[in-house]
C-alpha cells in the first residue's frame, strides 16, 4: 500500500523556495521605498535650487538686496510637503559669522523683512517637511551682495 504525502526532501525544497521568494520580495520593497525617498529628495533639491536662483536674481539690485516684500518670490509648493524658510543677515564682523537678524516664513506667514543698509551677505535655509511620516529635506545657500 502506497501512502500519499510529501517526503522530507520535498518539504525542504518547498521551504528553500519560500525563503528565496521572501528574501527577494523584501529587497524589492526596500528598493521601492528608497526610490520614492530619492525622488522626493530630488524634487525638493530642484525646487530649492530654482527658488535660490530666483532670489539671487531678485536681490541683484542693491536697492532690493536683503529685503522681502510683496514682490519677493515664494518657494515652490511640493505635493505632500510644507515649506518653511529662514532668511538671515550674516554679521560679517562676528568671528563666527552669526546671524545679525532673521525672519522665518511659512506658506501662511510671510512677514516683511529688511536687512540693515550695510548687509553684504544673506543666508537662506529652506526646509520641506513631509505632511505624513516622510523625511524632511533642508537646503541652504548664501547670497553675497554684488
N, C-alpha and C. Protein backbone atom coordinates (compact mmCIF):
# COMPACT_ATOMS: atom_id res chain seq x y z
N UNK A 1 0.84 -1.17 0.00
CA UNK A 1 0.00 0.00 0.00
C UNK A 1 0.88 1.23 0.00
N UNK A 2 0.59 2.15 -0.90
CA UNK A 2 1.38 3.37 -1.07
C UNK A 2 0.65 4.50 -0.35
N UNK A 3 1.35 5.21 0.56
CA UNK A 3 0.72 6.32 1.26
C UNK A 3 0.96 7.61 0.50
N UNK A 4 0.01 8.47 0.59
CA UNK A 4 0.16 9.76 -0.09
C UNK A 4 0.65 10.79 0.91
N UNK A 5 1.51 11.67 0.45
CA UNK A 5 2.06 12.70 1.30
C UNK A 5 3.37 13.20 0.71
N UNK A 6 3.99 14.09 1.41
CA UNK A 6 5.23 14.68 0.91
C UNK A 6 6.40 14.06 1.64
N UNK A 7 7.46 13.89 0.91
CA UNK A 7 8.68 13.37 1.52
C UNK A 7 9.40 14.53 2.19
N UNK A 8 10.36 14.19 3.01
CA UNK A 8 11.16 15.20 3.70
C UNK A 8 11.89 16.09 2.70
N UNK A 9 12.41 15.51 1.63
CA UNK A 9 13.12 16.28 0.60
C UNK A 9 12.17 17.31 -0.03
N UNK A 10 10.97 16.90 -0.35
CA UNK A 10 10.01 17.83 -0.96
C UNK A 10 9.67 18.99 -0.02
N UNK A 11 9.54 18.71 1.26
CA UNK A 11 9.27 19.76 2.24
C UNK A 11 10.44 20.73 2.33
N UNK A 12 11.67 20.20 2.36
CA UNK A 12 12.86 21.06 2.44
C UNK A 12 13.01 21.93 1.19
N UNK A 13 12.73 21.37 0.02
CA UNK A 13 12.80 22.15 -1.22
C UNK A 13 11.75 23.26 -1.20
N UNK A 14 10.55 22.95 -0.74
CA UNK A 14 9.49 23.96 -0.66
C UNK A 14 9.87 25.08 0.30
N UNK A 15 10.46 24.75 1.44
CA UNK A 15 10.91 25.76 2.40
C UNK A 15 12.00 26.63 1.80
N UNK A 16 12.94 26.04 1.08
CA UNK A 16 14.02 26.79 0.45
C UNK A 16 13.48 27.76 -0.60
N UNK A 17 12.55 27.30 -1.42
CA UNK A 17 11.95 28.16 -2.43
C UNK A 17 11.19 29.31 -1.77
N UNK A 18 10.44 29.01 -0.72
CA UNK A 18 9.70 30.03 0.01
C UNK A 18 10.65 31.08 0.60
N UNK A 19 11.77 30.65 1.16
CA UNK A 19 12.75 31.57 1.74
C UNK A 19 13.34 32.50 0.69
N UNK A 20 13.64 31.96 -0.49
CA UNK A 20 14.19 32.78 -1.58
C UNK A 20 13.15 33.82 -2.02
N UNK A 21 11.90 33.42 -2.16
CA UNK A 21 10.84 34.35 -2.57
C UNK A 21 10.68 35.47 -1.54
N UNK A 22 10.70 35.14 -0.26
CA UNK A 22 10.58 36.15 0.80
C UNK A 22 11.76 37.11 0.75
N UNK A 23 12.97 36.61 0.58
CA UNK A 23 14.17 37.46 0.54
C UNK A 23 14.11 38.42 -0.64
N UNK A 24 13.70 37.93 -1.79
CA UNK A 24 13.63 38.78 -2.98
C UNK A 24 12.53 39.84 -2.81
N UNK A 25 11.38 39.45 -2.29
CA UNK A 25 10.28 40.41 -2.15
C UNK A 25 10.61 41.50 -1.13
N UNK A 26 11.32 41.17 -0.07
CA UNK A 26 11.68 42.20 0.91
C UNK A 26 12.69 43.18 0.34
N UNK A 27 13.63 42.70 -0.48
CA UNK A 27 14.60 43.62 -1.07
C UNK A 27 13.93 44.52 -2.11
N UNK A 28 12.94 44.01 -2.82
CA UNK A 28 12.20 44.83 -3.78
C UNK A 28 11.41 45.91 -3.04
N UNK A 29 10.81 45.57 -1.92
CA UNK A 29 10.05 46.54 -1.12
C UNK A 29 10.96 47.65 -0.62
N UNK A 30 12.13 47.30 -0.10
CA UNK A 30 13.09 48.30 0.38
C UNK A 30 13.55 49.17 -0.78
N UNK A 31 13.80 48.57 -1.92
CA UNK A 31 14.25 49.32 -3.10
C UNK A 31 13.19 50.33 -3.55
N UNK A 32 11.93 49.92 -3.55
CA UNK A 32 10.86 50.84 -3.95
C UNK A 32 10.74 52.01 -2.98
N UNK A 33 10.89 51.75 -1.69
CA UNK A 33 10.84 52.81 -0.69
C UNK A 33 12.01 53.77 -0.87
N UNK A 34 13.19 53.23 -1.12
CA UNK A 34 14.38 54.06 -1.34
C UNK A 34 14.20 54.92 -2.59
N UNK A 35 13.64 54.36 -3.64
CA UNK A 35 13.41 55.12 -4.86
C UNK A 35 12.44 56.28 -4.63
N UNK A 36 11.40 56.07 -3.83
CA UNK A 36 10.44 57.13 -3.54
C UNK A 36 11.11 58.26 -2.76
N UNK A 37 11.91 57.90 -1.75
CA UNK A 37 12.62 58.91 -0.96
C UNK A 37 13.59 59.68 -1.84
N UNK A 38 14.31 58.97 -2.71
CA UNK A 38 15.25 59.63 -3.62
C UNK A 38 14.54 60.57 -4.58
N UNK A 39 13.39 60.16 -5.08
CA UNK A 39 12.62 61.02 -5.98
C UNK A 39 12.13 62.27 -5.25
N UNK A 40 11.67 62.11 -4.01
CA UNK A 40 11.22 63.26 -3.22
C UNK A 40 12.39 64.20 -2.93
N UNK A 41 13.54 63.64 -2.59
CA UNK A 41 14.73 64.45 -2.31
C UNK A 41 15.13 65.23 -3.56
N UNK A 42 15.09 64.58 -4.71
CA UNK A 42 15.44 65.25 -5.96
C UNK A 42 14.47 66.40 -6.25
N UNK A 43 13.16 66.15 -6.07
CA UNK A 43 12.17 67.22 -6.29
C UNK A 43 12.42 68.40 -5.35
N UNK A 44 12.70 68.11 -4.08
CA UNK A 44 12.95 69.18 -3.10
C UNK A 44 14.22 69.95 -3.45
N UNK A 45 15.27 69.25 -3.85
CA UNK A 45 16.52 69.93 -4.22
C UNK A 45 16.34 70.79 -5.46
N UNK A 46 15.61 70.30 -6.44
CA UNK A 46 15.37 71.08 -7.66
C UNK A 46 14.52 72.32 -7.36
N UNK A 47 13.50 72.15 -6.53
CA UNK A 47 12.65 73.29 -6.17
C UNK A 47 13.44 74.33 -5.39
N UNK A 48 14.29 73.88 -4.46
CA UNK A 48 15.10 74.80 -3.67
C UNK A 48 16.10 75.53 -4.56
N UNK A 49 16.75 74.81 -5.46
CA UNK A 49 17.73 75.44 -6.35
C UNK A 49 17.06 76.51 -7.22
N UNK A 50 15.90 76.20 -7.75
CA UNK A 50 15.17 77.18 -8.57
C UNK A 50 14.79 78.40 -7.74
N UNK A 51 14.35 78.18 -6.50
CA UNK A 51 13.99 79.29 -5.62
C UNK A 51 15.21 80.16 -5.32
N UNK A 52 16.34 79.53 -4.98
CA UNK A 52 17.56 80.29 -4.66
C UNK A 52 18.03 81.10 -5.87
N UNK A 53 17.91 80.55 -7.06
CA UNK A 53 18.30 81.30 -8.26
C UNK A 53 17.37 82.49 -8.48
N UNK A 54 16.09 82.31 -8.21
CA UNK A 54 15.13 83.41 -8.36
C UNK A 54 15.42 84.52 -7.34
N UNK A 55 15.72 84.13 -6.09
CA UNK A 55 16.04 85.13 -5.06
C UNK A 55 17.33 85.85 -5.41
N UNK A 56 18.33 85.11 -5.88
CA UNK A 56 19.59 85.75 -6.28
C UNK A 56 19.34 86.81 -7.34
N UNK A 57 18.51 86.49 -8.31
CA UNK A 57 18.17 87.46 -9.35
C UNK A 57 17.39 88.64 -8.77
N UNK A 58 16.46 88.37 -7.85
CA UNK A 58 15.65 89.42 -7.23
C UNK A 58 16.54 90.36 -6.42
N UNK A 59 17.52 89.82 -5.72
CA UNK A 59 18.41 90.63 -4.88
C UNK A 59 19.61 91.19 -5.64
N UNK A 60 19.64 91.01 -6.94
CA UNK A 60 20.77 91.51 -7.73
C UNK A 60 20.93 93.02 -7.59
N UNK A 61 19.81 93.72 -7.52
CA UNK A 61 19.84 95.17 -7.36
C UNK A 61 20.15 95.52 -5.90
N UNK A 62 21.02 96.50 -5.69
CA UNK A 62 21.36 96.88 -4.32
C UNK A 62 20.17 97.49 -3.59
N UNK A 63 19.19 98.00 -4.33
CA UNK A 63 18.02 98.59 -3.67
C UNK A 63 17.07 97.52 -3.11
N UNK A 64 17.13 96.31 -3.62
CA UNK A 64 16.27 95.23 -3.12
C UNK A 64 17.03 94.20 -2.30
N UNK A 65 18.36 94.30 -2.24
CA UNK A 65 19.14 93.27 -1.53
C UNK A 65 18.75 93.21 -0.05
N UNK A 66 18.44 92.00 0.40
CA UNK A 66 18.11 91.79 1.81
C UNK A 66 16.70 92.17 2.20
N UNK A 67 15.89 92.58 1.23
CA UNK A 67 14.51 92.97 1.52
C UNK A 67 13.55 91.89 1.06
N UNK A 68 12.48 91.72 1.81
CA UNK A 68 11.37 90.89 1.35
C UNK A 68 10.12 91.76 1.39
N UNK A 69 9.38 91.70 0.34
CA UNK A 69 8.15 92.48 0.24
C UNK A 69 7.14 91.66 -0.56
N UNK A 70 6.09 92.29 -1.01
CA UNK A 70 5.04 91.57 -1.73
C UNK A 70 5.55 90.95 -3.03
N UNK A 71 6.60 91.53 -3.61
CA UNK A 71 7.14 91.00 -4.87
C UNK A 71 8.18 89.90 -4.66
N UNK A 72 8.56 89.65 -3.41
CA UNK A 72 9.59 88.64 -3.14
C UNK A 72 9.07 87.26 -3.55
N UNK A 73 9.89 86.47 -4.25
CA UNK A 73 9.42 85.15 -4.71
C UNK A 73 9.17 84.19 -3.55
N UNK A 74 8.28 83.25 -3.77
CA UNK A 74 7.97 82.21 -2.78
C UNK A 74 8.50 80.87 -3.27
N UNK A 75 8.86 79.98 -2.34
CA UNK A 75 9.28 78.63 -2.75
C UNK A 75 8.13 77.88 -3.42
N UNK A 76 8.49 76.93 -4.24
CA UNK A 76 7.50 76.09 -4.92
C UNK A 76 6.83 75.15 -3.92
N UNK A 77 5.52 75.00 -4.04
CA UNK A 77 4.79 74.02 -3.22
C UNK A 77 5.00 72.63 -3.81
N UNK A 78 5.36 71.67 -2.96
CA UNK A 78 5.50 70.28 -3.38
C UNK A 78 4.38 69.46 -2.76
N UNK A 79 3.75 68.62 -3.54
CA UNK A 79 2.66 67.78 -3.05
C UNK A 79 3.15 66.91 -1.89
N UNK A 80 2.43 66.95 -0.78
CA UNK A 80 2.78 66.13 0.38
C UNK A 80 3.78 66.78 1.32
N UNK A 81 4.22 68.00 1.02
CA UNK A 81 5.21 68.69 1.84
C UNK A 81 4.77 70.12 2.12
N UNK A 82 5.17 70.64 3.27
CA UNK A 82 5.02 72.06 3.56
C UNK A 82 6.42 72.65 3.59
N UNK A 83 6.53 73.92 3.33
CA UNK A 83 7.86 74.53 3.34
C UNK A 83 7.94 75.58 4.44
N UNK A 84 9.16 75.79 4.91
CA UNK A 84 9.47 76.90 5.82
C UNK A 84 10.80 77.48 5.36
N UNK A 85 10.94 78.76 5.55
CA UNK A 85 12.12 79.48 5.07
C UNK A 85 12.64 80.37 6.18
N UNK A 86 13.94 80.33 6.40
CA UNK A 86 14.57 81.25 7.35
C UNK A 86 15.54 82.12 6.56
N UNK A 87 15.35 83.42 6.68
CA UNK A 87 16.20 84.40 6.00
C UNK A 87 16.99 85.13 7.07
N UNK A 88 18.31 85.12 6.95
CA UNK A 88 19.16 85.75 7.97
C UNK A 88 20.19 86.66 7.33
N UNK A 89 20.42 87.80 7.98
CA UNK A 89 21.54 88.65 7.60
C UNK A 89 22.76 88.15 8.37
N UNK A 90 23.85 87.88 7.67
CA UNK A 90 25.06 87.38 8.31
C UNK A 90 25.89 88.56 8.78
N UNK A 91 26.31 88.51 10.05
CA UNK A 91 27.15 89.56 10.63
C UNK A 91 28.60 89.27 10.24
N UNK A 92 29.10 90.00 9.26
CA UNK A 92 30.46 89.77 8.75
C UNK A 92 31.52 90.18 9.77
N UNK A 93 31.17 91.03 10.75
CA UNK A 93 32.14 91.45 11.77
C UNK A 93 32.27 90.41 12.88
N UNK A 94 31.32 89.51 12.97
CA UNK A 94 31.35 88.49 14.01
C UNK A 94 32.37 87.40 13.65
N UNK A 95 33.17 86.96 14.63
CA UNK A 95 34.16 85.91 14.33
C UNK A 95 33.50 84.58 13.92
N UNK A 96 32.24 84.38 14.29
CA UNK A 96 31.54 83.14 13.93
C UNK A 96 30.53 83.35 12.81
N UNK A 97 30.51 84.56 12.25
CA UNK A 97 29.55 84.91 11.20
C UNK A 97 28.12 84.58 11.63
N UNK A 98 27.79 85.01 12.83
CA UNK A 98 26.46 84.76 13.40
C UNK A 98 25.41 85.58 12.66
N UNK A 99 24.17 85.18 12.83
CA UNK A 99 23.06 85.92 12.23
C UNK A 99 22.87 87.23 12.98
N UNK A 100 22.85 88.33 12.24
CA UNK A 100 22.61 89.64 12.84
C UNK A 100 21.12 89.83 13.10
N UNK A 101 20.32 89.43 12.14
CA UNK A 101 18.86 89.47 12.27
C UNK A 101 18.30 88.41 11.33
N UNK A 102 17.08 87.98 11.61
CA UNK A 102 16.49 86.96 10.74
C UNK A 102 14.97 87.00 10.82
N UNK A 103 14.35 86.33 9.88
CA UNK A 103 12.90 86.19 9.85
C UNK A 103 12.59 84.78 9.35
N UNK A 104 11.51 84.21 9.87
CA UNK A 104 11.08 82.88 9.43
C UNK A 104 9.76 83.00 8.69
N UNK A 105 9.68 82.29 7.59
CA UNK A 105 8.48 82.29 6.76
C UNK A 105 7.89 80.89 6.70
N UNK A 106 6.58 80.84 6.54
CA UNK A 106 5.88 79.61 6.19
C UNK A 106 4.92 79.96 5.06
N UNK A 107 4.24 78.97 4.55
CA UNK A 107 3.30 79.23 3.45
C UNK A 107 2.22 80.22 3.86
N UNK A 108 1.84 80.22 5.13
CA UNK A 108 0.75 81.08 5.60
C UNK A 108 1.23 82.35 6.28
N UNK A 109 2.53 82.50 6.48
CA UNK A 109 3.06 83.68 7.18
C UNK A 109 4.33 84.15 6.50
N UNK A 110 4.24 85.29 5.82
CA UNK A 110 5.40 85.84 5.11
C UNK A 110 5.60 87.30 5.51
N UNK A 111 6.11 87.53 6.73
CA UNK A 111 6.28 88.92 7.18
C UNK A 111 7.35 89.65 6.37
N UNK A 112 7.13 90.94 6.21
CA UNK A 112 8.12 91.76 5.52
C UNK A 112 9.40 91.81 6.35
N UNK A 113 10.53 91.96 5.68
CA UNK A 113 11.82 91.97 6.35
C UNK A 113 12.77 92.85 5.56
N UNK A 114 13.59 93.60 6.28
CA UNK A 114 14.64 94.39 5.63
C UNK A 114 15.92 94.22 6.42
N UNK A 115 16.95 93.79 5.72
CA UNK A 115 18.26 93.70 6.35
C UNK A 115 18.79 95.12 6.52
N UNK A 116 19.85 95.26 7.30
CA UNK A 116 20.43 96.58 7.51
C UNK A 116 21.02 97.11 6.20
N UNK A 117 21.21 98.41 6.14
CA UNK A 117 21.75 99.02 4.93
C UNK A 117 23.16 98.53 4.62
N UNK A 118 23.88 98.07 5.64
CA UNK A 118 25.25 97.60 5.43
C UNK A 118 25.33 96.10 5.14
N UNK A 119 24.19 95.44 4.98
CA UNK A 119 24.18 93.99 4.75
C UNK A 119 24.92 93.64 3.46
N UNK A 120 25.80 92.65 3.56
CA UNK A 120 26.52 92.19 2.37
C UNK A 120 26.36 90.69 2.13
N UNK A 121 25.89 89.96 3.14
CA UNK A 121 25.74 88.51 3.00
C UNK A 121 24.44 88.05 3.66
N UNK A 122 23.62 87.34 2.91
CA UNK A 122 22.36 86.82 3.42
C UNK A 122 22.39 85.30 3.36
N UNK A 123 21.81 84.67 4.37
CA UNK A 123 21.73 83.21 4.44
C UNK A 123 20.26 82.80 4.33
N UNK A 124 19.98 81.84 3.47
CA UNK A 124 18.62 81.32 3.33
C UNK A 124 18.64 79.83 3.61
N UNK A 125 17.72 79.36 4.44
CA UNK A 125 17.56 77.94 4.72
C UNK A 125 16.11 77.56 4.43
N UNK A 126 15.93 76.70 3.44
CA UNK A 126 14.60 76.27 3.00
C UNK A 126 14.40 74.81 3.40
N UNK A 127 13.33 74.55 4.15
CA UNK A 127 13.03 73.19 4.61
C UNK A 127 11.70 72.74 4.05
N UNK A 128 11.70 71.58 3.44
CA UNK A 128 10.46 70.93 3.02
C UNK A 128 10.19 69.81 4.02
N UNK A 129 9.05 69.89 4.73
CA UNK A 129 8.69 68.92 5.76
C UNK A 129 7.51 68.09 5.28
N UNK A 130 7.64 66.78 5.40
CA UNK A 130 6.58 65.87 4.97
C UNK A 130 5.33 66.07 5.82
N UNK A 131 4.18 66.08 5.17
CA UNK A 131 2.92 66.18 5.89
C UNK A 131 2.51 64.83 6.47
N UNK A 132 3.16 63.77 6.02
CA UNK A 132 2.89 62.43 6.54
C UNK A 132 4.03 61.99 7.43
N UNK A 133 4.50 60.79 7.19
CA UNK A 133 5.57 60.24 8.03
C UNK A 133 6.89 60.21 7.28
N UNK A 134 7.03 61.03 6.25
CA UNK A 134 8.24 61.01 5.44
C UNK A 134 9.37 61.81 6.04
N UNK A 135 10.34 62.09 5.22
CA UNK A 135 11.56 62.76 5.61
C UNK A 135 11.46 64.25 5.33
N UNK A 136 12.18 65.05 6.12
CA UNK A 136 12.31 66.48 5.85
C UNK A 136 13.59 66.71 5.06
N UNK A 137 13.55 67.68 4.16
CA UNK A 137 14.71 68.00 3.35
C UNK A 137 15.07 69.46 3.58
N UNK A 138 16.33 69.72 3.94
CA UNK A 138 16.80 71.07 4.23
C UNK A 138 17.81 71.46 3.16
N UNK A 139 17.63 72.63 2.58
CA UNK A 139 18.56 73.18 1.60
C UNK A 139 18.91 74.59 2.03
N UNK A 140 20.13 74.98 1.79
CA UNK A 140 20.55 76.32 2.18
C UNK A 140 21.51 76.93 1.19
N UNK A 141 21.59 78.24 1.23
CA UNK A 141 22.55 78.95 0.39
C UNK A 141 22.85 80.30 1.03
N UNK A 142 23.92 80.90 0.59
CA UNK A 142 24.26 82.26 1.00
C UNK A 142 24.37 83.11 -0.25
N UNK A 143 23.86 84.31 -0.17
CA UNK A 143 23.87 85.22 -1.31
C UNK A 143 24.65 86.46 -0.91
N UNK A 144 25.66 86.77 -1.70
CA UNK A 144 26.55 87.90 -1.43
C UNK A 144 26.11 89.09 -2.27
N UNK A 145 26.12 90.27 -1.65
CA UNK A 145 25.73 91.50 -2.36
C UNK A 145 26.80 91.83 -3.39
N UNK A 146 26.35 92.09 -4.60
CA UNK A 146 27.29 92.40 -5.69
C UNK A 146 27.57 93.87 -5.77
